[in-house]
Amino acid sequence: MTKQEKNEVIEVLKSKFSQYNNFYITDTESLSVAQISQLRRHCFTKQVEMKVAKNTLIKKALESIDAEKYAGVYDSLHKVTALLFSENPKEPALILSAFRKESKGEKPELKAAFINGDVFVGDNQLVNLTKIKTKNELIGEVIGLLQSPIQRVIGALQNRPEAAEAVVAE
């Protein structure tokens, strides 16, 4: 790879890191070409971008953006690395989990995840990352919590006069 090609890869990675607040670093070393193609298809259908690059180029791209912000990620840059970029912080974790179930294996292994400024290191974090609530899910829960007392009062007033008296007495 020439110096010019390396610089082009670094620029592409810099634009991706700047575009997305969330990215996952995975180890795809023991996957076959067919499995990697299948993983790419899963990512494509879920609007997750998958990029494979050399670890040194990934590190240079991250350092040129903000060396301190991404410091927790550098130790995860070894072996074969695939990056998963997504607007939704939960989607890559769901893709990796589903892919593992389909292939009945432990790969691709999660090396690290960078989600809205927080770094999650290690494959044992994958289960926790699948449980992250998205912004829309949190907004829905808050709206549901705000609506439930109102709905109980309205339901009590419409259906049972004796229940309405109990609600008003509270």
C-alpha atoms as a PDB file:
ATOM      1  CA  MET A   1       0.000   0.000   0.000  1.00  0.00           C
ATOM      2  CA  THR A   2       1.487   3.325  -1.052  1.00  0.00           C
ATOM      3  CA  LYS A   3       1.646   6.377   1.179  1.00  0.00           C
ATOM      4  CA  GLN A   4      -1.012   8.050  -0.986  1.00  0.00           C
ATOM      5  CA  GLU A   5      -3.398   5.077  -0.543  1.00  0.00           C
ATOM      6  CA  LYS A   6      -2.799   5.075   3.208  1.00  0.00           C
ATOM      7  CA  ASN A   7      -3.607   8.797   3.396  1.00  0.00           C
ATOM      8  CA  GLU A   8      -6.821   8.213   1.448  1.00  0.00           C
ATOM      9  CA  VAL A   9      -7.871   5.450   3.856  1.00  0.00           C
ATOM     10  CA  ILE A  10      -7.091   7.706   6.832  1.00  0.00           C
ATOM     11  CA  GLU A  11      -9.217  10.504   5.339  1.00  0.00           C
ATOM     12  CA  VAL A  12     -12.142   8.126   4.726  1.00  0.00           C
ATOM     13  CA  LEU A  13     -11.906   6.852   8.311  1.00  0.00           C
ATOM     14  CA  LYS A  14     -11.686  10.399   9.699  1.00  0.00           C
ATOM     15  CA  SER A  15     -14.876  11.339   7.884  1.00  0.00           C
ATOM     16  CA  LYS A  16     -16.653   8.242   9.251  1.00  0.00           C
ATOM     17  CA  PHE A  17     -15.475   8.879  12.828  1.00  0.00           C
ATOM     18  CA  SER A  18     -16.626  12.503  12.524  1.00  0.00           C
ATOM     19  CA  GLN A  19     -19.969  11.518  10.993  1.00  0.00           C
ATOM     20  CA  TYR A  20     -20.939   8.897  13.585  1.00  0.00           C
ATOM     21  CA  ASN A  21     -21.003   9.155  17.399  1.00  0.00           C
ATOM     22  CA  ASN A  22     -21.115   5.370  17.686  1.00  0.00           C
ATOM     23  CA  PHE A  23     -18.770   2.728  16.369  1.00  0.00           C
ATOM     24  CA  TYR A  24     -17.874  -0.824  17.268  1.00  0.00           C
ATOM     25  CA  ILE A  25     -14.468  -2.467  16.855  1.00  0.00           C
ATOM     26  CA  THR A  26     -14.728  -6.185  16.150  1.00  0.00           C
ATOM     27  CA  ASP A  27     -12.336  -9.065  15.523  1.00  0.00           C
ATOM     28  CA  THR A  28     -13.240 -10.895  12.315  1.00  0.00           C
ATOM     29  CA  GLU A  29     -10.010 -12.905  12.058  1.00  0.00           C
ATOM     30  CA  SER A  30     -11.420 -16.445  12.067  1.00  0.00           C
ATOM     31  CA  LEU A  31     -14.435 -15.709   9.837  1.00  0.00           C
ATOM     32  CA  SER A  32     -14.535 -17.093   6.327  1.00  0.00           C
ATOM     33  CA  VAL A  33     -15.078 -14.854   3.305  1.00  0.00           C
ATOM     34  CA  ALA A  34     -18.655 -16.134   3.049  1.00  0.00           C
ATOM     35  CA  GLN A  35     -19.307 -15.285   6.709  1.00  0.00           C
ATOM     36  CA  ILE A  36     -17.871 -11.779   6.294  1.00  0.00           C
ATOM     37  CA  SER A  37     -20.078 -11.254   3.229  1.00  0.00           C
ATOM     38  CA  GLN A  38     -23.076 -12.412   5.236  1.00  0.00           C
ATOM     39  CA  LEU A  39     -22.149 -10.033   8.080  1.00  0.00           C
ATOM     40  CA  ARG A  40     -21.861  -7.170   5.581  1.00  0.00           C
ATOM     41  CA  ARG A  41     -25.347  -7.986   4.259  1.00  0.00           C
ATOM     42  CA  HIS A  42     -26.767  -7.924   7.812  1.00  0.00           C
ATOM     43  CA  CYS A  43     -25.128  -4.555   8.388  1.00  0.00           C
ATOM     44  CA  PHE A  44     -26.372  -3.154   5.080  1.00  0.00           C
ATOM     45  CA  THR A  45     -30.008  -4.085   5.797  1.00  0.00           C
ATOM     46  CA  LYS A  46     -29.817  -2.343   9.205  1.00  0.00           C
ATOM     47  CA  GLN A  47     -28.084   0.844   7.929  1.00  0.00           C
ATOM     48  CA  VAL A  48     -24.816   0.003   9.680  1.00  0.00           C
ATOM     49  CA  GLU A  49     -21.623   0.726   7.752  1.00  0.00           C
ATOM     50  CA  MET A  50     -18.860  -1.862   7.979  1.00  0.00           C
ATOM     51  CA  LYS A  51     -15.264  -0.925   7.174  1.00  0.00           C
ATOM     52  CA  VAL A  52     -12.135  -3.047   7.403  1.00  0.00           C
ATOM     53  CA  ALA A  53      -8.800  -1.247   7.777  1.00  0.00           C
ATOM     54  CA  LYS A  54      -5.335  -1.696   9.190  1.00  0.00           C
ATOM     55  CA  ASN A  55      -5.072  -0.967  12.893  1.00  0.00           C
ATOM     56  CA  THR A  56      -2.292   1.601  12.455  1.00  0.00           C
ATOM     57  CA  LEU A  57      -4.415   3.564   9.974  1.00  0.00           C
ATOM     58  CA  ILE A  58      -7.420   3.456  12.306  1.00  0.00           C
ATOM     59  CA  LYS A  59      -5.260   4.726  15.157  1.00  0.00           C
ATOM     60  CA  LYS A  60      -3.796   7.534  13.032  1.00  0.00           C
ATOM     61  CA  ALA A  61      -7.289   8.608  11.960  1.00  0.00           C
ATOM     62  CA  LEU A  62      -8.537   8.665  15.559  1.00  0.00           C
ATOM     63  CA  GLU A  63      -5.449  10.505  16.822  1.00  0.00           C
ATOM     64  CA  SER A  64      -5.765  13.165  14.130  1.00  0.00           C
ATOM     65  CA  ILE A  65      -9.357  13.889  15.233  1.00  0.00           C
ATOM     66  CA  ASP A  66      -8.933  13.845  19.032  1.00  0.00           C
ATOM     67  CA  ALA A  67      -6.213  11.715  20.617  1.00  0.00           C
ATOM     68  CA  GLU A  68      -7.554  11.987  24.195  1.00  0.00           C
ATOM     69  CA  LYS A  69     -11.219  11.362  23.347  1.00  0.00           C
ATOM     70  CA  TYR A  70     -10.447   7.995  21.736  1.00  0.00           C
ATOM     71  CA  ALA A  71      -7.590   6.929  24.065  1.00  0.00           C
ATOM     72  CA  GLY A  72      -9.607   4.034  25.551  1.00  0.00           C
ATOM     73  CA  VAL A  73      -9.978   2.448  22.131  1.00  0.00           C
ATOM     74  CA  TYR A  74      -6.301   2.162  21.151  1.00  0.00           C
ATOM     75  CA  ASP A  75      -5.580  -1.006  23.157  1.00  0.00           C
ATOM     76  CA  SER A  76      -8.297  -2.806  21.184  1.00  0.00           C
ATOM     77  CA  LEU A  77      -6.577  -2.218  17.862  1.00  0.00           C
ATOM     78  CA  HIS A  78      -4.858  -5.534  17.223  1.00  0.00           C
ATOM     79  CA  LYS A  79      -5.410  -8.563  14.974  1.00  0.00           C
ATOM     80  CA  VAL A  80      -7.943  -8.173  12.137  1.00  0.00           C
ATOM     81  CA  THR A  81     -10.267  -5.260  12.776  1.00  0.00           C
ATOM     82  CA  ALA A  82     -13.655  -4.438  11.302  1.00  0.00           C
ATOM     83  CA  LEU A  83     -15.395  -1.198  12.244  1.00  0.00           C
ATOM     84  CA  LEU A  84     -19.178  -0.934  12.472  1.00  0.00           C
ATOM     85  CA  PHE A  85     -20.557   2.620  12.237  1.00  0.00           C
ATOM     86  CA  SER A  86     -24.141   3.415  13.188  1.00  0.00           C
ATOM     87  CA  GLU A  87     -26.412   6.282  14.210  1.00  0.00           C
ATOM     88  CA  ASN A  88     -28.224   3.873  16.526  1.00  0.00           C
ATOM     89  CA  PRO A  89     -25.897   2.782  19.368  1.00  0.00           C
ATOM     90  CA  LYS A  90     -27.734  -0.506  19.852  1.00  0.00           C
ATOM     91  CA  GLU A  91     -27.972  -1.806  16.278  1.00  0.00           C
ATOM     92  CA  PRO A  92     -24.396  -3.134  15.803  1.00  0.00           C
ATOM     93  CA  ALA A  93     -24.659  -5.067  19.085  1.00  0.00           C
ATOM     94  CA  LEU A  94     -27.911  -6.652  17.909  1.00  0.00           C
ATOM     95  CA  ILE A  95     -26.332  -7.542  14.553  1.00  0.00           C
ATOM     96  CA  LEU A  96     -23.323  -9.177  16.229  1.00  0.00           C
ATOM     97  CA  SER A  97     -25.543 -11.132  18.640  1.00  0.00           C
ATOM     98  CA  ALA A  98     -27.855 -12.328  15.870  1.00  0.00           C
ATOM     99  CA  PHE A  99     -24.914 -13.283  13.660  1.00  0.00           C
ATOM    100  CA  ARG A 100     -23.403 -15.350  16.476  1.00  0.00           C
ATOM    101  CA  LYS A 101     -26.683 -17.180  17.043  1.00  0.00           C
ATOM    102  CA  GLU A 102     -27.017 -17.968  13.335  1.00  0.00           C
ATOM    103  CA  SER A 103     -23.457 -19.251  13.007  1.00  0.00           C
ATOM    104  CA  LYS A 104     -23.501 -20.898  16.452  1.00  0.00           C
ATOM    105  CA  GLY A 105     -20.121 -19.380  17.244  1.00  0.00           C
ATOM    106  CA  GLU A 106     -18.307 -16.776  19.291  1.00  0.00           C
ATOM    107  CA  LYS A 107     -17.184 -14.644  16.348  1.00  0.00           C
ATOM    108  CA  PRO A 108     -17.124 -11.848  15.444  1.00  0.00           C
ATOM    109  CA  GLU A 109     -15.733 -10.877  18.806  1.00  0.00           C
ATOM    110  CA  LEU A 110     -16.374  -7.404  20.183  1.00  0.00           C
ATOM    111  CA  LYS A 111     -13.085  -5.705  21.017  1.00  0.00           C
ATOM    112  CA  ALA A 112     -14.496  -2.300  21.962  1.00  0.00           C
ATOM    113  CA  ALA A 113     -17.407   0.050  21.379  1.00  0.00           C
ATOM    114  CA  PHE A 114     -17.396   3.841  21.409  1.00  0.00           C
ATOM    115  CA  ILE A 115     -20.882   5.115  22.156  1.00  0.00           C
ATOM    116  CA  ASN A 116     -21.544   8.831  22.566  1.00  0.00           C
ATOM    117  CA  GLY A 117     -18.165   9.403  24.215  1.00  0.00           C
ATOM    118  CA  ASP A 118     -18.180   6.274  26.410  1.00  0.00           C
ATOM    119  CA  VAL A 119     -15.857   3.347  25.732  1.00  0.00           C
ATOM    120  CA  PHE A 120     -16.959  -0.246  26.368  1.00  0.00           C
ATOM    121  CA  VAL A 121     -14.053  -2.695  26.175  1.00  0.00           C
ATOM    122  CA  GLY A 122     -14.297  -6.456  25.898  1.00  0.00           C
ATOM    123  CA  ASP A 123     -16.567  -9.072  24.441  1.00  0.00           C
ATOM    124  CA  ASN A 124     -18.380  -9.429  27.774  1.00  0.00           C
ATOM    125  CA  GLN A 125     -19.943  -5.973  27.166  1.00  0.00           C
ATOM    126  CA  LEU A 126     -21.961  -7.183  24.157  1.00  0.00           C
ATOM    127  CA  VAL A 127     -24.968  -8.299  26.225  1.00  0.00           C
ATOM    128  CA  ASN A 128     -25.067  -4.928  28.010  1.00  0.00           C
ATOM    129  CA  LEU A 129     -24.853  -3.068  24.708  1.00  0.00           C
ATOM    130  CA  THR A 130     -27.865  -4.948  23.320  1.00  0.00           C
ATOM    131  CA  LYS A 131     -29.897  -3.603  26.240  1.00  0.00           C
ATOM    132  CA  ILE A 132     -29.073   0.077  25.645  1.00  0.00           C
ATOM    133  CA  LYS A 133     -32.186   2.115  25.085  1.00  0.00           C
ATOM    134  CA  THR A 134     -32.255   4.420  22.093  1.00  0.00           C
ATOM    135  CA  LYS A 135     -33.313   8.044  22.358  1.00  0.00           C
ATOM    136  CA  ASN A 136     -36.725   7.269  20.844  1.00  0.00           C
ATOM    137  CA  GLU A 137     -37.294   4.370  23.266  1.00  0.00           C
ATOM    138  CA  LEU A 138     -36.505   6.627  26.233  1.00  0.00           C
ATOM    139  CA  ILE A 139     -38.816   9.364  24.954  1.00  0.00           C
ATOM    140  CA  GLY A 140     -41.584   6.783  24.511  1.00  0.00           C
ATOM    141  CA  GLU A 141     -41.146   5.557  28.091  1.00  0.00           C
ATOM    142  CA  VAL A 142     -41.295   9.093  29.487  1.00  0.00           C
ATOM    143  CA  ILE A 143     -44.436   9.867  27.499  1.00  0.00           C
ATOM    144  CA  GLY A 144     -45.992   6.595  28.677  1.00  0.00           C
ATOM    145  CA  LEU A 145     -45.181   7.429  32.300  1.00  0.00           C
ATOM    146  CA  LEU A 146     -46.633  10.908  31.940  1.00  0.00           C
ATOM    147  CA  GLN A 147     -49.821   9.601  30.326  1.00  0.00           C
ATOM    148  CA  SER A 148     -50.575   6.774  32.741  1.00  0.00           C
ATOM    149  CA  PRO A 149     -51.931   8.882  35.671  1.00  0.00           C
ATOM    150  CA  ILE A 150     -54.102  10.873  33.292  1.00  0.00           C
ATOM    151  CA  GLN A 151     -55.446   7.715  31.675  1.00  0.00           C
ATOM    152  CA  ARG A 152     -56.309   6.214  35.070  1.00  0.00           C
ATOM    153  CA  VAL A 153     -58.237   9.316  36.078  1.00  0.00           C
ATOM    154  CA  ILE A 154     -60.106   9.506  32.785  1.00  0.00           C
ATOM    155  CA  GLY A 155     -60.843   5.775  32.848  1.00  0.00           C
ATOM    156  CA  ALA A 156     -62.128   6.041  36.387  1.00  0.00           C
ATOM    157  CA  LEU A 157     -64.353   8.983  35.543  1.00  0.00           C
ATOM    158  CA  GLN A 158     -65.806   7.346  32.436  1.00  0.00           C
ATOM    159  CA  ASN A 159     -66.363   3.804  33.669  1.00  0.00           C
ATOM    160  CA  ARG A 160     -67.114   3.742  37.380  1.00  0.00           C
ATOM    161  CA  PRO A 161     -68.556   6.574  39.403  1.00  0.00           C
ATOM    162  CA  GLU A 162     -67.433   4.949  42.675  1.00  0.00           C
ATOM    163  CA  ALA A 163     -63.844   4.666  41.380  1.00  0.00           C
ATOM    164  CA  ALA A 164     -63.945   8.314  40.364  1.00  0.00           C
ATOM    165  CA  GLU A 165     -64.782   9.246  43.949  1.00  0.00           C
ATOM    166  CA  ALA A 166     -61.797   7.219  45.169  1.00  0.00           C
ATOM    167  CA  VAL A 167     -59.437   8.927  42.706  1.00  0.00           C
ATOM    168  CA  VAL A 168     -60.729  12.385  43.625  1.00  0.00           C
ATOM    169  CA  ALA A 169     -60.405  11.545  47.352  1.00  0.00           C
ATOM    170  CA  GLU A 170     -56.704  10.722  46.882  1.00  0.00           C
END
